[in-house]
C-alpha atoms as a PDB file:
ATOM      1  CA  GLN A   1       0.000   0.000   0.000  1.00  0.00           C
ATOM      2  CA  GLY A   2       2.837   2.379   0.804  1.00  0.00           C
ATOM      3  CA  LEU A   3       4.527   1.686  -2.524  1.00  0.00           C
ATOM      4  CA  SER A   4       1.225   2.275  -4.315  1.00  0.00           C
ATOM      5  CA  VAL A   5       0.801   5.682  -2.700  1.00  0.00           C
ATOM      6  CA  GLY A   6       4.445   6.391  -3.485  1.00  0.00           C
ATOM      7  CA  GLY A   7       3.795   5.844  -7.187  1.00  0.00           C
ATOM      8  CA  GLU A   8       1.027   8.420  -7.123  1.00  0.00           C
ATOM      9  CA  TYR A   9       3.233  10.784  -5.148  1.00  0.00           C
ATOM     10  CA  GLY A  10       6.083  10.638  -7.635  1.00  0.00           C
ATOM     11  CA  ALA A  11       3.902  11.365 -10.649  1.00  0.00           C
ATOM     12  CA  SER A  12       2.019  14.237  -9.025  1.00  0.00           C
ATOM     13  CA  ALA A  13       5.161  15.795  -7.511  1.00  0.00           C
ATOM     14  CA  THR A  14       6.887  15.633 -10.886  1.00  0.00           C
ATOM     15  CA  TYR A  15       3.930  17.040 -12.797  1.00  0.00           C
ATOM     16  CA  LEU A  16       3.384  19.963 -10.418  1.00  0.00           C
ATOM     17  CA  SER A  17       7.085  20.836 -10.361  1.00  0.00           C
ATOM     18  CA  GLU A  18       7.464  20.683 -14.152  1.00  0.00           C
ATOM     19  CA  MET A  19       4.323  22.715 -14.837  1.00  0.00           C
ATOM     20  CA  ALA A  20       5.069  25.388 -12.230  1.00  0.00           C
ATOM     21  CA  GLY A  21       8.001  27.129 -13.908  1.00  0.00           C
ATOM     22  CA  LYS A  22      11.273  28.024 -12.228  1.00  0.00           C
ATOM     23  CA  THR A  23      10.316  31.267 -10.457  1.00  0.00           C
ATOM     24  CA  HIS A  24       7.384  29.961  -8.397  1.00  0.00           C
ATOM     25  CA  ARG A  25       8.135  26.237  -8.359  1.00  0.00           C
ATOM     26  CA  GLY A  26       8.196  25.964  -4.571  1.00  0.00           C
ATOM     27  CA  PHE A  27       4.885  27.799  -4.201  1.00  0.00           C
ATOM     28  CA  TRP A  28       2.921  25.744  -6.728  1.00  0.00           C
ATOM     29  CA  SER A  29       4.385  22.370  -5.768  1.00  0.00           C
ATOM     30  CA  SER A  30       3.384  23.013  -2.133  1.00  0.00           C
ATOM     31  CA  PHE A  31      -0.235  22.499  -3.157  1.00  0.00           C
ATOM     32  CA  GLN A  32       0.427  18.768  -3.258  1.00  0.00           C
ATOM     33  CA  TYR A  33       0.424  18.777   0.553  1.00  0.00           C
ATOM     34  CA  VAL A  34      -2.453  21.271   0.621  1.00  0.00           C
ATOM     35  CA  THR A  35      -4.597  18.655  -1.115  1.00  0.00           C
ATOM     36  CA  LEU A  36      -3.137  15.841   0.987  1.00  0.00           C
ATOM     37  CA  ILE A  37      -4.069  17.626   4.219  1.00  0.00           C
ATOM     38  CA  MET A  38      -7.412  18.607   2.727  1.00  0.00           C
ATOM     39  CA  GLY A  39      -8.037  14.904   2.152  1.00  0.00           C
ATOM     40  CA  GLN A  40      -7.345  14.226   5.823  1.00  0.00           C
ATOM     41  CA  LEU A  41      -9.791  16.975   6.813  1.00  0.00           C
ATOM     42  CA  LEU A  42     -12.486  15.667   4.464  1.00  0.00           C
ATOM     43  CA  ALA A  43     -12.013  12.151   5.849  1.00  0.00           C
ATOM     44  CA  LEU A  44     -12.312  13.553   9.355  1.00  0.00           C
ATOM     45  CA  ALA A  45     -15.466  15.454   8.391  1.00  0.00           C
ATOM     46  CA  MET A  46     -17.002  12.301   6.899  1.00  0.00           C
ATOM     47  CA  LEU A  47     -16.205  10.375  10.058  1.00  0.00           C
ATOM     48  CA  LEU A  48     -17.914  13.022  12.202  1.00  0.00           C
ATOM     49  CA  LEU A  49     -20.923  13.097   9.871  1.00  0.00           C
ATOM     50  CA  LEU A  50     -21.363   9.323   9.981  1.00  0.00           C
ATOM     51  CA  GLN A  51     -20.960   9.254  13.757  1.00  0.00           C
ATOM     52  CA  ARG A  52     -23.681  11.884  14.142  1.00  0.00           C
ATOM     53  CA  THR A  53     -26.178  10.455  11.629  1.00  0.00           C
ATOM     54  CA  LEU A  54     -25.804   6.713  12.238  1.00  0.00           C
ATOM     55  CA  THR A  55     -26.078   4.633  15.369  1.00  0.00           C
ATOM     56  CA  PRO A  56     -23.003   2.650  16.441  1.00  0.00           C
ATOM     57  CA  ALA A  57     -24.753  -0.547  15.293  1.00  0.00           C
ATOM     58  CA  GLU A  58     -25.516   0.917  11.842  1.00  0.00           C
ATOM     59  CA  LEU A  59     -21.988   2.212  11.491  1.00  0.00           C
ATOM     60  CA  GLU A  60     -20.546  -1.188  12.367  1.00  0.00           C
ATOM     61  CA  SER A  61     -22.995  -3.103  10.169  1.00  0.00           C
ATOM     62  CA  TRP A  62     -22.915  -1.161   6.879  1.00  0.00           C
ATOM     63  CA  GLY A  63     -22.016   2.510   7.439  1.00  0.00           C
ATOM     64  CA  TRP A  64     -18.279   1.881   7.381  1.00  0.00           C
ATOM     65  CA  ARG A  65     -18.604   1.068   3.653  1.00  0.00           C
ATOM     66  CA  ILE A  66     -19.722   4.598   2.746  1.00  0.00           C
ATOM     67  CA  PRO A  67     -16.228   6.195   2.831  1.00  0.00           C
ATOM     68  CA  PHE A  68     -14.959   3.424   0.539  1.00  0.00           C
ATOM     69  CA  ILE A  69     -17.756   4.132  -1.951  1.00  0.00           C
ATOM     70  CA  VAL A  70     -16.920   7.859  -1.880  1.00  0.00           C
ATOM     71  CA  GLY A  71     -13.231   7.047  -2.362  1.00  0.00           C
ATOM     72  CA  ALA A  72     -14.008   4.816  -5.349  1.00  0.00           C
ATOM     73  CA  ALA A  73     -16.099   7.584  -6.944  1.00  0.00           C
ATOM     74  CA  LEU A  74     -13.273  10.090  -6.439  1.00  0.00           C
ATOM     75  CA  ALA A  75     -10.854   7.645  -8.070  1.00  0.00           C
ATOM     76  CA  VAL A  76     -13.062   7.634 -11.189  1.00  0.00           C
ATOM     77  CA  VAL A  77     -13.031  11.454 -11.167  1.00  0.00           C
ATOM     78  CA  ALA A  78      -9.230  11.432 -10.857  1.00  0.00           C
ATOM     79  CA  VAL A  79      -8.879   9.084 -13.847  1.00  0.00           C
ATOM     80  CA  ALA A  80     -11.141  11.350 -15.913  1.00  0.00           C
ATOM     81  CA  MET A  81      -9.075  14.400 -14.918  1.00  0.00           C
ATOM     82  CA  ARG A  82      -5.824  12.696 -15.891  1.00  0.00           C
ATOM     83  CA  ARG A  83      -7.125  11.909 -19.355  1.00  0.00           C
ATOM     84  CA  GLY A  84      -7.563  15.626 -20.005  1.00  0.00           C
ATOM     85  CA  LEU A  85      -4.219  16.820 -18.627  1.00  0.00           C
ATOM     86  CA  GLU A  86      -1.603  18.263 -20.928  1.00  0.00           C
ATOM     87  CA  GLU A  87       1.898  16.846 -20.679  1.00  0.00           C
ATOM     88  CA  SER A  88       4.590  19.189 -19.403  1.00  0.00           C
ATOM     89  CA  SER A  89       6.967  20.724 -21.947  1.00  0.00           C
ATOM     90  CA  ALA A  90       9.904  19.059 -20.142  1.00  0.00           C
ATOM     91  CA  PHE A  91       8.373  15.615 -20.710  1.00  0.00           C
ATOM     92  CA  GLU A  92       7.515  16.349 -24.339  1.00  0.00           C
ATOM     93  CA  LYS A  93      11.090  17.460 -25.039  1.00  0.00           C
ATOM     94  CA  ASP A  94      12.514  14.390 -23.351  1.00  0.00           C
ATOM     95  CA  ARG A  95      10.181  12.031 -25.226  1.00  0.00           C
ATOM     96  CA  ALA A  96      11.047  13.649 -28.551  1.00  0.00           C
ATOM     97  CA  SER A  97      14.761  13.186 -27.897  1.00  0.00           C
ATOM     98  CA  ARG A  98      14.527   9.421 -27.176  1.00  0.00           C
ATOM     99  CA  PRO A  99      14.504   6.574 -29.712  1.00  0.00           C
ATOM    100  CA  PRO A 100      10.894   5.428 -30.393  1.00  0.00           C
ATOM    101  CA  GLN A 101      11.081   2.097 -28.518  1.00  0.00           C
ATOM    102  CA  SER A 102      13.297   3.160 -25.623  1.00  0.00           C
ATOM    103  CA  ALA A 103      12.077   2.828 -22.051  1.00  0.00           C
ATOM    104  CA  ALA A 104      12.058   6.158 -20.259  1.00  0.00           C
ATOM    105  CA  ALA A 105      12.312   5.009 -16.651  1.00  0.00           C
ATOM    106  CA  THR A 106      13.716   1.722 -15.386  1.00  0.00           C
ATOM    107  CA  ALA A 107      15.247   0.480 -12.156  1.00  0.00           C
ATOM    108  CA  ARG A 108      18.602   0.293 -13.909  1.00  0.00           C
ATOM    109  CA  GLY A 109      18.255   3.889 -15.019  1.00  0.00           C
ATOM    110  CA  LEU A 110      17.395   4.894 -11.458  1.00  0.00           C
ATOM    111  CA  MET A 111      20.573   3.252 -10.131  1.00  0.00           C
ATOM    112  CA  ALA A 112      22.580   5.601 -12.325  1.00  0.00           C
ATOM    113  CA  HIS A 113      21.688   8.311  -9.776  1.00  0.00           C
ATOM    114  CA  PRO A 114      22.680   6.693  -6.438  1.00  0.00           C
ATOM    115  CA  ARG A 115      23.411   9.945  -4.612  1.00  0.00           C
ATOM    116  CA  ALA A 116      20.043  11.441  -5.557  1.00  0.00           C
ATOM    117  CA  VAL A 117      18.238   8.235  -4.494  1.00  0.00           C
ATOM    118  CA  LEU A 118      19.990   8.180  -1.111  1.00  0.00           C
ATOM    119  CA  THR A 119      19.303  11.895  -0.686  1.00  0.00           C
ATOM    120  CA  VAL A 120      15.568  11.297  -1.192  1.00  0.00           C
ATOM    121  CA  VAL A 121      15.586   8.525   1.426  1.00  0.00           C
ATOM    122  CA  GLY A 122      17.625  10.617   3.867  1.00  0.00           C
ATOM    123  CA  LEU A 123      15.638  13.821   3.603  1.00  0.00           C
ATOM    124  CA  THR A 124      12.342  11.888   3.788  1.00  0.00           C
ATOM    125  CA  ALA A 125      13.084   9.786   6.886  1.00  0.00           C
ATOM    126  CA  GLY A 126      12.871  12.499   9.532  1.00  0.00           C
ATOM    127  CA  GLY A 127      10.187  14.481   7.752  1.00  0.00           C
ATOM    128  CA  THR A 128       7.793  11.577   7.346  1.00  0.00           C
ATOM    129  CA  VAL A 129       8.201  10.473  10.984  1.00  0.00           C
ATOM    130  CA  ALA A 130       7.473  14.039  12.140  1.00  0.00           C
ATOM    131  CA  PHE A 131       4.503  14.331   9.766  1.00  0.00           C
ATOM    132  CA  TYR A 132       2.822  11.121  10.947  1.00  0.00           C
ATOM    133  CA  THR A 133       3.598  11.882  14.595  1.00  0.00           C
ATOM    134  CA  PHE A 134       1.982  15.328  14.618  1.00  0.00           C
ATOM    135  CA  THR A 135      -0.950  14.577  12.292  1.00  0.00           C
ATOM    136  CA  THR A 136      -2.347  11.032  12.407  1.00  0.00           C
ATOM    137  CA  TYR A 137      -0.821   9.869  15.709  1.00  0.00           C
ATOM    138  CA  ALA A 138      -1.460  13.193  17.465  1.00  0.00           C
ATOM    139  CA  GLN A 139      -5.165  12.462  17.807  1.00  0.00           C
ATOM    140  CA  LYS A 140      -4.488   9.159  19.619  1.00  0.00           C
ATOM    141  CA  PHE A 141      -1.785  10.801  21.709  1.00  0.00           C
ATOM    142  CA  LEU A 142      -4.209  13.466  22.911  1.00  0.00           C
ATOM    143  CA  VAL A 143      -6.680  10.781  24.035  1.00  0.00           C
ATOM    144  CA  ASN A 144      -4.366   8.062  25.372  1.00  0.00           C
ATOM    145  CA  THR A 145      -1.643  10.207  26.942  1.00  0.00           C
ATOM    146  CA  ALA A 146      -2.949  13.737  27.532  1.00  0.00           C
ATOM    147  CA  GLY A 147      -6.388  12.504  28.610  1.00  0.00           C
ATOM    148  CA  PHE A 148      -8.626  14.498  26.257  1.00  0.00           C
ATOM    149  CA  SER A 149     -12.002  13.155  25.184  1.00  0.00           C
ATOM    150  CA  LYS A 150     -12.264  11.767  21.651  1.00  0.00           C
ATOM    151  CA  SER A 151     -14.446  14.684  20.552  1.00  0.00           C
ATOM    152  CA  ASP A 152     -12.023  17.287  21.942  1.00  0.00           C
ATOM    153  CA  ALA A 153      -9.056  15.482  20.375  1.00  0.00           C
ATOM    154  CA  THR A 154     -10.855  15.407  17.022  1.00  0.00           C
ATOM    155  CA  TYR A 155     -11.552  19.155  17.274  1.00  0.00           C
ATOM    156  CA  ILE A 156      -7.924  19.955  18.163  1.00  0.00           C
ATOM    157  CA  ASN A 157      -6.663  17.761  15.332  1.00  0.00           C
ATOM    158  CA  ALA A 158      -9.036  19.312  12.786  1.00  0.00           C
ATOM    159  CA  VAL A 159      -8.221  22.938  13.653  1.00  0.00           C
ATOM    160  CA  SER A 160      -4.473  22.304  13.700  1.00  0.00           C
ATOM    161  CA  LEU A 161      -4.678  20.558  10.307  1.00  0.00           C
ATOM    162  CA  LEU A 162      -6.613  23.503   8.863  1.00  0.00           C
ATOM    163  CA  VAL A 163      -3.893  25.943   9.974  1.00  0.00           C
ATOM    164  CA  TYR A 164      -1.238  23.514   8.758  1.00  0.00           C
ATOM    165  CA  MET A 165      -2.846  23.301   5.318  1.00  0.00           C
ATOM    166  CA  MET A 166      -2.828  27.081   4.893  1.00  0.00           C
ATOM    167  CA  LEU A 167       0.865  27.273   5.853  1.00  0.00           C
ATOM    168  CA  GLN A 168       2.069  25.148   2.934  1.00  0.00           C
ATOM    169  CA  PRO A 169       1.939  27.775   0.117  1.00  0.00           C
ATOM    170  CA  LEU A 170       3.533  30.381   2.393  1.00  0.00           C
ATOM    171  CA  VAL A 171       6.500  28.135   3.154  1.00  0.00           C
ATOM    172  CA  GLY A 172       6.709  27.062  -0.486  1.00  0.00           C
ATOM    173  CA  ALA A 173       6.863  30.716  -1.590  1.00  0.00           C
ATOM    174  CA  LEU A 174       9.525  31.396   1.056  1.00  0.00           C
ATOM    175  CA  SER A 175      11.689  28.646  -0.445  1.00  0.00           C
ATOM    176  CA  ASP A 176      11.458  30.367  -3.834  1.00  0.00           C
ATOM    177  CA  ARG A 177      13.028  33.447  -2.259  1.00  0.00           C
ATOM    178  CA  ILE A 178      15.667  32.059   0.112  1.00  0.00           C
ATOM    179  CA  GLY A 179      16.254  28.553  -1.263  1.00  0.00           C
ATOM    180  CA  ARG A 180      15.172  25.032  -0.354  1.00  0.00           C
ATOM    181  CA  ARG A 181      18.055  24.051   1.919  1.00  0.00           C
ATOM    182  CA  PRO A 182      17.563  26.848   4.508  1.00  0.00           C
ATOM    183  CA  VAL A 183      13.887  25.892   4.861  1.00  0.00           C
ATOM    184  CA  LEU A 184      14.672  22.181   5.257  1.00  0.00           C
ATOM    185  CA  THR A 185      17.479  22.995   7.691  1.00  0.00           C
ATOM    186  CA  ALA A 186      15.128  25.142   9.784  1.00  0.00           C
ATOM    187  CA  PHE A 187      12.784  22.164  10.091  1.00  0.00           C
ATOM    188  CA  GLY A 188      15.702  19.897  11.001  1.00  0.00           C
ATOM    189  CA  VAL A 189      17.021  22.217  13.713  1.00  0.00           C
ATOM    190  CA  LEU A 190      13.585  22.975  15.187  1.00  0.00           C
ATOM    191  CA  GLY A 191      12.611  19.309  15.088  1.00  0.00           C
ATOM    192  CA  THR A 192      15.837  18.135  16.693  1.00  0.00           C
ATOM    193  CA  LEU A 193      15.766  20.699  19.497  1.00  0.00           C
ATOM    194  CA  GLY A 194      12.018  20.988  19.988  1.00  0.00           C
ATOM    195  CA  THR A 195      10.440  17.537  19.632  1.00  0.00           C
ATOM    196  CA  ILE A 196      11.160  16.248  23.133  1.00  0.00           C
ATOM    197  CA  PRO A 197      10.128  19.418  25.040  1.00  0.00           C
ATOM    198  CA  LEU A 198       7.066  19.895  22.831  1.00  0.00           C
ATOM    199  CA  LEU A 199       5.769  16.325  23.193  1.00  0.00           C
ATOM    200  CA  THR A 200       6.495  16.487  26.936  1.00  0.00           C
ATOM    201  CA  ALA A 201       4.481  19.714  27.186  1.00  0.00           C
ATOM    202  CA  LEU A 202       1.683  18.230  25.060  1.00  0.00           C
ATOM    203  CA  GLU A 203       1.623  15.247  27.394  1.00  0.00           C
ATOM    204  CA  GLY A 204       0.802  17.621  30.264  1.00  0.00           C
ATOM    205  CA  ALA A 205      -1.651  19.864  28.388  1.00  0.00           C
ATOM    206  CA  ARG A 206      -5.057  19.997  30.046  1.00  0.00           C
ATOM    207  CA  THR A 207      -6.964  22.629  28.055  1.00  0.00           C
ATOM    208  CA  ILE A 208      -7.871  22.807  24.376  1.00  0.00           C
ATOM    209  CA  PRO A 209      -6.025  26.130  23.769  1.00  0.00           C
ATOM    210  CA  GLN A 210      -2.843  24.689  25.308  1.00  0.00           C
ATOM    211  CA  ALA A 211      -2.909  21.534  23.204  1.00  0.00           C
ATOM    212  CA  LEU A 212      -3.901  23.419  20.049  1.00  0.00           C
ATOM    213  CA  THR A 213      -1.081  25.944  20.448  1.00  0.00           C
ATOM    214  CA  LEU A 214       1.531  23.227  20.977  1.00  0.00           C
ATOM    215  CA  LEU A 215       0.325  21.153  18.027  1.00  0.00           C
ATOM    216  CA  ILE A 216       0.276  24.165  15.703  1.00  0.00           C
ATOM    217  CA  LEU A 217       3.830  25.074  16.783  1.00  0.00           C
ATOM    218  CA  ALA A 218       4.923  21.552  15.873  1.00  0.00           C
ATOM    219  CA  LEU A 219       3.208  21.715  12.492  1.00  0.00           C
ATOM    220  CA  VAL A 220       4.750  25.104  11.716  1.00  0.00           C
ATOM    221  CA  ALA A 221       8.144  23.407  12.005  1.00  0.00           C
ATOM    222  CA  VAL A 222       7.046  20.333  10.016  1.00  0.00           C
ATOM    223  CA  SER A 223       5.875  22.656   7.213  1.00  0.00           C
ATOM    224  CA  GLY A 224       9.546  23.289   6.492  1.00  0.00           C
ATOM    225  CA  TYR A 225       9.642  19.717   5.192  1.00  0.00           C
ATOM    226  CA  THR A 226       6.174  19.034   3.799  1.00  0.00           C
ATOM    227  CA  ALA A 227       5.760  22.247   1.788  1.00  0.00           C
ATOM    228  CA  ILE A 228       8.859  21.724  -0.327  1.00  0.00           C
ATOM    229  CA  ASN A 229       9.889  18.071  -0.145  1.00  0.00           C
ATOM    230  CA  ALA A 230       8.170  17.296  -3.449  1.00  0.00           C
ATOM    231  CA  VAL A 231       9.933  20.016  -5.424  1.00  0.00           C
ATOM    232  CA  VAL A 232      13.319  19.272  -3.833  1.00  0.00           C
ATOM    233  CA  LYS A 233      13.120  15.642  -4.891  1.00  0.00           C
ATOM    234  CA  ALA A 234      11.944  16.549  -8.387  1.00  0.00           C
ATOM    235  CA  GLU A 235      14.870  18.950  -8.777  1.00  0.00           C
ATOM    236  CA  LEU A 236      17.346  16.143  -8.065  1.00  0.00           C
ATOM    237  CA  PHE A 237      16.549  14.037 -11.148  1.00  0.00           C
ATOM    238  CA  PRO A 238      16.593  14.490 -14.935  1.00  0.00           C
ATOM    239  CA  THR A 239      13.254  14.357 -16.763  1.00  0.00           C
ATOM    240  CA  SER A 240      13.598  10.804 -18.088  1.00  0.00           C
ATOM    241  CA  ILE A 241      13.806   9.264 -14.616  1.00  0.00           C
ATOM    242  CA  ARG A 242      12.133  11.952 -12.471  1.00  0.00           C
ATOM    243  CA  ALA A 243       8.790  10.371 -11.526  1.00  0.00           C
ATOM    244  CA  LEU A 244      10.384   7.032 -10.603  1.00  0.00           C
ATOM    245  CA  GLY A 245      13.290   8.788  -8.892  1.00  0.00           C
ATOM    246  CA  VAL A 246      10.925  10.827  -6.730  1.00  0.00           C
ATOM    247  CA  GLY A 247       8.328   8.138  -6.103  1.00  0.00           C
ATOM    248  CA  PHE A 248      10.189   4.888  -5.416  1.00  0.00           C
ATOM    249  CA  PRO A 249      12.805   5.918  -2.795  1.00  0.00           C
ATOM    250  CA  TYR A 250      10.174   8.152  -1.178  1.00  0.00           C
ATOM    251  CA  ALA A 251       7.775   5.207  -0.930  1.00  0.00           C
ATOM    252  CA  VAL A 252      10.427   2.989   0.620  1.00  0.00           C
ATOM    253  CA  ALA A 253      11.329   5.667   3.194  1.00  0.00           C
ATOM    254  CA  VAL A 254       7.686   6.356   4.067  1.00  0.00           C
ATOM    255  CA  SER A 255       6.959   2.631   4.429  1.00  0.00           C
ATOM    256  CA  VAL A 256       9.966   2.061   6.682  1.00  0.00           C
ATOM    257  CA  PHE A 257       9.850   5.250   8.756  1.00  0.00           C
ATOM    258  CA  GLY A 258       6.465   6.958   8.417  1.00  0.00           C
ATOM    259  CA  GLY A 259       4.342   3.828   8.292  1.00  0.00           C
ATOM    260  CA  THR A 260       5.924   2.444  11.455  1.00  0.00           C
ATOM    261  CA  ALA A 261       5.845   5.659  13.507  1.00  0.00           C
ATOM    262  CA  GLU A 262       2.529   4.933  15.168  1.00  0.00           C
ATOM    263  CA  TYR A 263       3.507   1.304  15.778  1.00  0.00           C
ATOM    264  CA  PHE A 264       6.680   2.375  17.583  1.00  0.00           C
ATOM    265  CA  ALA A 265       4.795   5.008  19.574  1.00  0.00           C
ATOM    266  CA  LEU A 266       2.250   2.499  20.865  1.00  0.00           C
ATOM    267  CA  TRP A 267       4.921  -0.157  21.397  1.00  0.00           C
ATOM    268  CA  PHE A 268       6.985   2.143  23.616  1.00  0.00           C
ATOM    269  CA  LYS A 269       3.828   3.192  25.470  1.00  0.00           C
ATOM    270  CA  ASN A 270       2.834  -0.425  26.137  1.00  0.00           C
ATOM    271  CA  MET A 271       6.359  -1.078  27.421  1.00  0.00           C
ATOM    272  CA  GLY A 272       5.917   1.767  29.903  1.00  0.00           C
ATOM    273  CA  HIS A 273       8.570   3.934  28.222  1.00  0.00           C
ATOM    274  CA  GLU A 274       6.499   6.249  26.058  1.00  0.00           C
ATOM    275  CA  ARG A 275       9.146   8.997  26.111  1.00  0.00           C
ATOM    276  CA  TRP A 276      11.552   6.740  24.274  1.00  0.00           C
ATOM    277  CA  PHE A 277       9.415   7.482  21.240  1.00  0.00           C
ATOM    278  CA  TYR A 278      10.190  11.204  21.639  1.00  0.00           C
ATOM    279  CA  TRP A 279      13.870  10.348  21.345  1.00  0.00           C
ATOM    280  CA  TYR A 280      13.202   8.123  18.337  1.00  0.00           C
ATOM    281  CA  VAL A 281      11.469  10.973  16.471  1.00  0.00           C
ATOM    282  CA  THR A 282      14.289  13.327  17.425  1.00  0.00           C
ATOM    283  CA  GLY A 283      16.914  10.865  16.171  1.00  0.00           C
ATOM    284  CA  CYS A 284      15.182  10.462  12.806  1.00  0.00           C
ATOM    285  CA  ILE A 285      14.952  14.228  12.332  1.00  0.00           C
ATOM    286  CA  LEU A 286      18.600  14.655  13.352  1.00  0.00           C
ATOM    287  CA  ALA A 287      19.664  12.090  10.745  1.00  0.00           C
ATOM    288  CA  SER A 288      17.738  14.019   8.085  1.00  0.00           C
ATOM    289  CA  LEU A 289      19.260  17.292   9.310  1.00  0.00           C
ATOM    290  CA  VAL A 290      22.691  15.911   8.387  1.00  0.00           C
ATOM    291  CA  VAL A 291      21.357  15.329   4.844  1.00  0.00           C
ATOM    292  CA  TYR A 292      19.864  18.838   4.652  1.00  0.00           C
ATOM    293  CA  ALA A 293      23.152  20.406   5.761  1.00  0.00           C
ATOM    294  CA  THR A 294      25.239  18.521   3.201  1.00  0.00           C
ATOM    295  CA  MET A 295      22.957  18.318   0.153  1.00  0.00           C
ATOM    296  CA  PRO A 296      23.202  20.822  -2.726  1.00  0.00           C
ATOM    297  CA  GLU A 297      20.850  23.803  -3.015  1.00  0.00           C
ATOM    298  CA  THR A 298      18.394  22.353  -5.531  1.00  0.00           C
ATOM    299  CA  ARG A 299      16.659  25.633  -6.378  1.00  0.00           C
ATOM    300  CA  ASP A 300      19.749  26.940  -8.173  1.00  0.00           C
ATOM    301  CA  ASN A 301      21.509  23.657  -9.024  1.00  0.00           C
ATOM    302  CA  THR A 302      18.687  21.664 -10.548  1.00  0.00           C
ATOM    303  CA  LEU A 303      18.336  19.132 -13.346  1.00  0.00           C
ATOM    304  CA  MET A 304      14.814  20.347 -14.081  1.00  0.00           C
ATOM    305  CA  ASP A 305      15.957  23.120 -16.420  1.00  0.00           C
ATOM    306  CA  GLU A 306      18.277  20.946 -18.508  1.00  0.00           C
END
């Protein structure tokens, strides 16, 4: 499932980055996470709607199928939209330059860019752990650890996600002005220094404003990764291999690090050492910070314009 989502991620990140143009590439590519977060909010809204209109027995018997039906209908809409999309000029130029029967993207072709592949894995590891910790796992954390009711935790999660969604274009535009690496580095430094004290404070939060403020502060920092990670990865690869180069190593990193974040959090909690998870998140972000500090500035040194 993670690899499947990764395939979609690579294609959409590549398309947005290629269609955006050089001057505002960070701004326009940030809308990938705007729509991703919007999807989380819509899913949350559907959950609340079903919980308020159906009885628990109805929800358990047949109501749980409704979100799957909606998702299937949206997939049909997405396929119809794709059929009407124009290809980017970068792709058209690359296709015209290749022999007619040549394969554009293969695993062997991807291995010709080992540094870029490892960079994608490295810069994704800490970011995806932070993203899953402060979005999907945060709601469970507020209930299981901080002691909030499920309804209050849902409200806090929804409001923080709404603010988080609106931050993405602002951070993307900032990266167009000052570069990608300073924005990623800011996330790495804030995440490394702030994760443990912030999660500790969130653990002791007892009012909605307290918890909401802390969660928004965390997501402001995480925006330094999510708003621009798509464009940074796209800028690392030439056109012929870009979608695979962005999507595959990203999918592997998300499966290994992001997909297991909640599992590790609950595992440490069941062991009676929940704060070990705080250190785990910090360690992952620190490892990515090393990548951010040593990688090239992709805004100015990019393969997208070749």
